[in-house]
Amino acid sequence: FTNRKHFPSQEIHSQIPKAMKERSEAGMEVSNLMQGFCFYGPPDSAVAAGRAALERPETARYNQDAGTPELRAALVDFMRREHGVSGYDVQVTAGANQAFANIAAAVLDEGSEAILFEPAYFNHVMALQLAGAVVTTVATGPDLTPDPAAIPFSDKTRIVVVVTPSNPTGAITSGATLRAIAEDCRQRGVWLVIDYTYVLFTFDGEEQ
């Protein structure tokens, strides 16, 4: 999956269902781990809040691009309480992929280098390519987490991307490793983007 010239992400994505179907028809037991669909629905409180919002006329109107002030304030409070992050504003996007594309468009120039860790999330690769970046992928260790010492920084490196828990492996990058990568990026003036989409899907006291 790492040689993007010979295995474009779209081709990989289309071949996975085909391979699963062939193995299933051959009598093999196949588990579909292609997408992170929960087997349970949202909390009752979220469903009730969604229904209540549909009854408000302002819900159907254009709103601020960054999200409603009430929602942004709630997210700021959530980040402070749950993750100890404060002193920052937030922007609401139509999913994490839009957030990542916004970041890529904002900080990258044509020919800038972006560093990802293998196996990389294919949507990240495509967003970076659309922004004109040169994508460099770096192998992970046996535990599928990044090694800060293996990051090949160059004078063109503008962004390093870490996904934890990883998509697609589920591997969790420790807080110590993230802090080490963050310090390396800080010293070089490089942006570190951490995709925490699955941060609540951690168990057994794993550090984040």
Protein backbone atom coordinates (compact mmCIF):
# COMPACT_ATOMS: atom_id res chain seq x y z
CA PHE A 1 0.00 0.00 0.00
CA THR A 2 2.99 2.32 0.23
CA ASN A 3 3.98 2.59 -3.43
CA ARG A 4 1.43 5.17 -4.51
CA LYS A 5 2.71 5.27 -8.09
CA HIS A 6 1.81 1.64 -8.68
CA PHE A 7 -1.11 1.31 -6.26
CA PRO A 8 -3.17 4.50 -6.25
CA SER A 9 -5.48 4.74 -3.26
CA GLN A 10 -8.62 4.55 -5.40
CA GLU A 11 -7.44 1.27 -6.91
CA ILE A 12 -6.60 -0.18 -3.51
CA HIS A 13 -9.97 0.84 -2.14
CA SER A 14 -11.86 -0.83 -4.99
CA GLN A 15 -9.86 -4.06 -4.74
CA ILE A 16 -10.56 -4.66 -1.05
CA PRO A 17 -14.30 -5.49 -1.42
CA LYS A 18 -13.49 -7.70 -4.42
CA ALA A 19 -10.89 -9.67 -2.45
CA MET A 20 -13.23 -10.00 0.53
CA LYS A 21 -16.05 -11.27 -1.68
CA GLU A 22 -13.78 -13.85 -3.34
CA ARG A 23 -12.54 -15.16 0.01
CA SER A 24 -16.04 -15.26 1.47
CA GLU A 25 -17.32 -17.23 -1.52
CA ALA A 26 -14.39 -19.62 -1.09
CA GLY A 27 -15.62 -20.42 2.43
CA MET A 28 -13.14 -18.27 4.34
CA GLU A 29 -14.25 -16.28 7.38
CA VAL A 30 -13.90 -12.59 6.54
CA SER A 31 -14.20 -9.58 8.85
CA ASN A 32 -14.95 -6.19 7.32
CA LEU A 33 -12.63 -3.66 8.93
CA MET A 34 -12.60 -1.26 5.98
CA GLN A 35 -14.46 1.52 7.73
CA GLY A 36 -14.90 2.44 11.37
CA PHE A 37 -18.65 2.00 11.63
CA CYS A 38 -19.88 1.63 15.20
CA PHE A 39 -22.21 -1.25 15.97
CA TYR A 40 -24.18 1.04 18.27
CA GLY A 41 -26.00 4.31 17.69
CA PRO A 42 -25.47 7.77 19.18
CA PRO A 43 -26.49 8.50 22.79
CA ASP A 44 -30.16 9.19 23.42
CA SER A 45 -29.25 12.72 24.52
CA ALA A 46 -27.62 13.42 21.14
CA VAL A 47 -30.66 12.09 19.26
CA ALA A 48 -32.97 14.26 21.38
CA ALA A 49 -30.80 17.34 20.84
CA GLY A 50 -30.80 16.71 17.09
CA ARG A 51 -34.57 16.48 16.99
CA ALA A 52 -34.93 19.63 19.04
CA ALA A 53 -32.56 21.48 16.68
CA LEU A 54 -34.72 20.56 13.69
CA GLU A 55 -37.62 22.40 15.29
CA ARG A 56 -35.69 25.68 15.43
CA PRO A 57 -36.01 27.85 12.28
CA GLU A 58 -32.37 28.96 12.43
CA THR A 59 -31.23 25.38 11.88
CA ALA A 60 -32.24 25.61 8.20
CA ARG A 61 -30.43 28.90 7.59
CA TYR A 62 -26.90 29.68 6.51
CA ASN A 63 -24.65 30.08 9.49
CA GLN A 64 -21.12 31.14 10.32
CA ASP A 65 -18.53 29.18 8.34
CA ALA A 66 -16.63 28.28 11.50
CA GLY A 67 -19.75 26.94 13.25
CA THR A 68 -22.33 28.45 15.57
CA PRO A 69 -20.90 30.31 18.57
CA GLU A 70 -22.77 27.97 20.95
CA LEU A 71 -21.32 24.82 19.39
CA ARG A 72 -17.81 26.24 19.24
CA ALA A 73 -17.99 27.31 22.89
CA ALA A 74 -19.15 23.81 23.84
CA LEU A 75 -16.26 22.25 21.92
CA VAL A 76 -13.73 24.58 23.54
CA ASP A 77 -15.08 23.55 26.94
CA PHE A 78 -14.96 19.86 25.95
CA MET A 79 -11.32 20.10 24.84
CA ARG A 80 -10.41 21.83 28.09
CA ARG A 81 -12.19 19.28 30.30
CA GLU A 82 -11.33 16.09 28.42
CA HIS A 83 -7.90 16.83 26.96
CA GLY A 84 -6.47 19.72 28.96
CA VAL A 85 -6.26 21.94 25.86
CA SER A 86 -7.03 25.60 26.48
CA GLY A 87 -6.28 29.02 25.05
CA TYR A 88 -7.35 28.06 21.52
CA ASP A 89 -10.36 28.58 19.30
CA VAL A 90 -12.00 25.81 17.27
CA GLN A 91 -13.56 25.49 13.84
CA VAL A 92 -16.43 23.15 13.03
CA THR A 93 -16.09 21.26 9.73
CA ALA A 94 -18.11 18.68 7.81
CA GLY A 95 -16.05 15.82 9.17
CA ALA A 96 -12.35 15.35 9.87
CA ASN A 97 -11.50 15.09 6.17
CA GLN A 98 -12.61 18.67 5.57
CA ALA A 99 -10.64 19.80 8.61
CA PHE A 100 -7.51 18.12 7.25
CA ALA A 101 -8.03 19.57 3.75
CA ASN A 102 -8.41 23.04 5.30
CA ILE A 103 -5.12 22.62 7.15
CA ALA A 104 -3.31 21.39 4.05
CA ALA A 105 -4.59 24.33 1.99
CA ALA A 106 -3.62 26.81 4.70
CA VAL A 107 -0.04 25.74 5.46
CA LEU A 108 1.29 24.06 2.31
CA ASP A 109 2.72 25.53 -0.87
CA GLU A 110 3.39 23.79 -4.17
CA GLY A 111 6.35 21.47 -3.61
CA SER A 112 6.20 21.54 0.21
CA GLU A 113 6.97 18.21 1.85
CA ALA A 114 4.43 16.43 4.03
CA ILE A 115 5.49 13.43 6.12
CA LEU A 116 3.11 10.59 6.98
CA PHE A 117 3.64 7.23 8.67
CA GLU A 118 2.88 3.89 7.03
CA PRO A 119 0.31 2.59 6.57
CA ALA A 120 -1.07 6.05 5.88
CA TYR A 121 -4.72 7.04 5.69
CA PHE A 122 -5.41 7.34 1.96
CA ASN A 123 -7.65 10.43 2.32
CA HIS A 124 -4.76 12.28 3.93
CA VAL A 125 -2.53 11.38 1.00
CA MET A 126 -5.07 12.67 -1.53
CA ALA A 127 -5.69 15.93 0.38
CA LEU A 128 -1.96 16.61 0.53
CA GLN A 129 -1.53 15.86 -3.16
CA LEU A 130 -4.41 18.21 -4.01
CA ALA A 131 -2.59 20.92 -2.05
CA GLY A 132 0.48 20.36 -4.25
CA ALA A 133 2.60 18.74 -1.55
CA VAL A 134 5.29 16.11 -2.00
CA VAL A 135 4.19 13.21 0.23
CA THR A 136 6.87 11.23 2.05
CA THR A 137 5.83 8.09 3.93
CA VAL A 138 7.92 6.68 6.75
CA ALA A 139 7.87 3.09 7.96
CA THR A 140 6.68 2.44 11.50
CA GLY A 141 8.15 -0.03 13.97
CA PRO A 142 6.89 -3.50 14.91
CA ASP A 143 4.16 -1.92 17.04
CA LEU A 144 3.05 0.20 14.04
CA THR A 145 3.76 3.48 15.84
CA PRO A 146 6.11 6.28 14.70
CA ASP A 147 9.75 6.49 15.72
CA PRO A 148 10.66 10.18 16.19
CA ALA A 149 14.29 9.46 15.28
CA ALA A 150 13.24 8.07 11.89
CA ILE A 151 11.50 11.23 10.64
CA PRO A 152 13.48 12.46 7.60
CA PHE A 153 13.11 16.21 8.08
CA SER A 154 14.35 18.36 5.21
CA ASP A 155 14.38 22.06 4.44
CA LYS A 156 11.14 21.56 2.50
CA THR A 157 9.26 19.77 5.29
CA ARG A 158 6.22 21.79 6.28
CA ILE A 159 3.96 19.28 7.97
CA VAL A 160 4.15 15.98 9.89
CA VAL A 161 0.95 13.98 10.33
CA VAL A 162 0.24 11.48 13.11
CA VAL A 163 -3.03 9.57 13.40
CA THR A 164 -3.71 8.09 16.82
CA PRO A 165 -5.40 5.72 17.26
CA SER A 166 -4.20 4.92 13.77
CA ASN A 167 -6.39 4.58 10.75
CA PRO A 168 -6.10 1.86 9.51
CA THR A 169 -4.17 -0.16 12.15
CA GLY A 170 -5.67 1.08 15.43
CA ALA A 171 -2.19 1.44 16.92
CA ILE A 172 -1.93 4.07 19.66
CA THR A 173 1.01 6.48 19.67
CA SER A 174 2.06 7.19 23.25
CA GLY A 175 2.01 10.65 24.76
CA ALA A 176 5.78 10.49 25.19
CA THR A 177 6.28 9.81 21.48
CA LEU A 178 3.89 12.61 20.51
CA ARG A 179 5.73 15.04 22.77
CA ALA A 180 9.07 14.04 21.23
CA ILE A 181 7.75 14.54 17.70
CA ALA A 182 6.17 17.85 18.73
CA GLU A 183 9.50 19.10 20.10
CA ASP A 184 11.35 18.06 16.93
CA CYS A 185 8.77 19.92 14.85
CA ARG A 186 8.89 22.99 17.10
CA GLN A 187 12.66 23.25 16.75
CA ARG A 188 12.38 23.12 12.96
CA GLY A 189 9.32 25.35 12.54
CA VAL A 190 7.30 22.44 11.14
CA TRP A 191 3.55 21.99 11.68
CA LEU A 192 2.51 18.84 13.55
CA VAL A 193 -1.03 17.68 12.78
CA ILE A 194 -2.47 15.02 15.09
CA ASP A 195 -5.63 13.31 13.88
CA TYR A 196 -7.51 12.32 17.03
CA THR A 197 -10.66 11.10 15.26
CA TYR A 198 -10.73 7.85 17.21
CA VAL A 199 -9.41 9.21 20.51
CA LEU A 200 -12.46 7.99 22.46
CA PHE A 201 -12.00 4.44 21.13
CA THR A 202 -9.21 3.59 23.58
CA PHE A 203 -9.41 1.12 26.39
CA ASP A 204 -7.42 -0.45 29.24
CA GLY A 205 -5.93 2.86 30.36
CA GLU A 206 -3.94 3.48 27.17
CA GLU A 207 -2.16 6.85 27.32
CA GLN A 208 -3.07 9.45 24.71
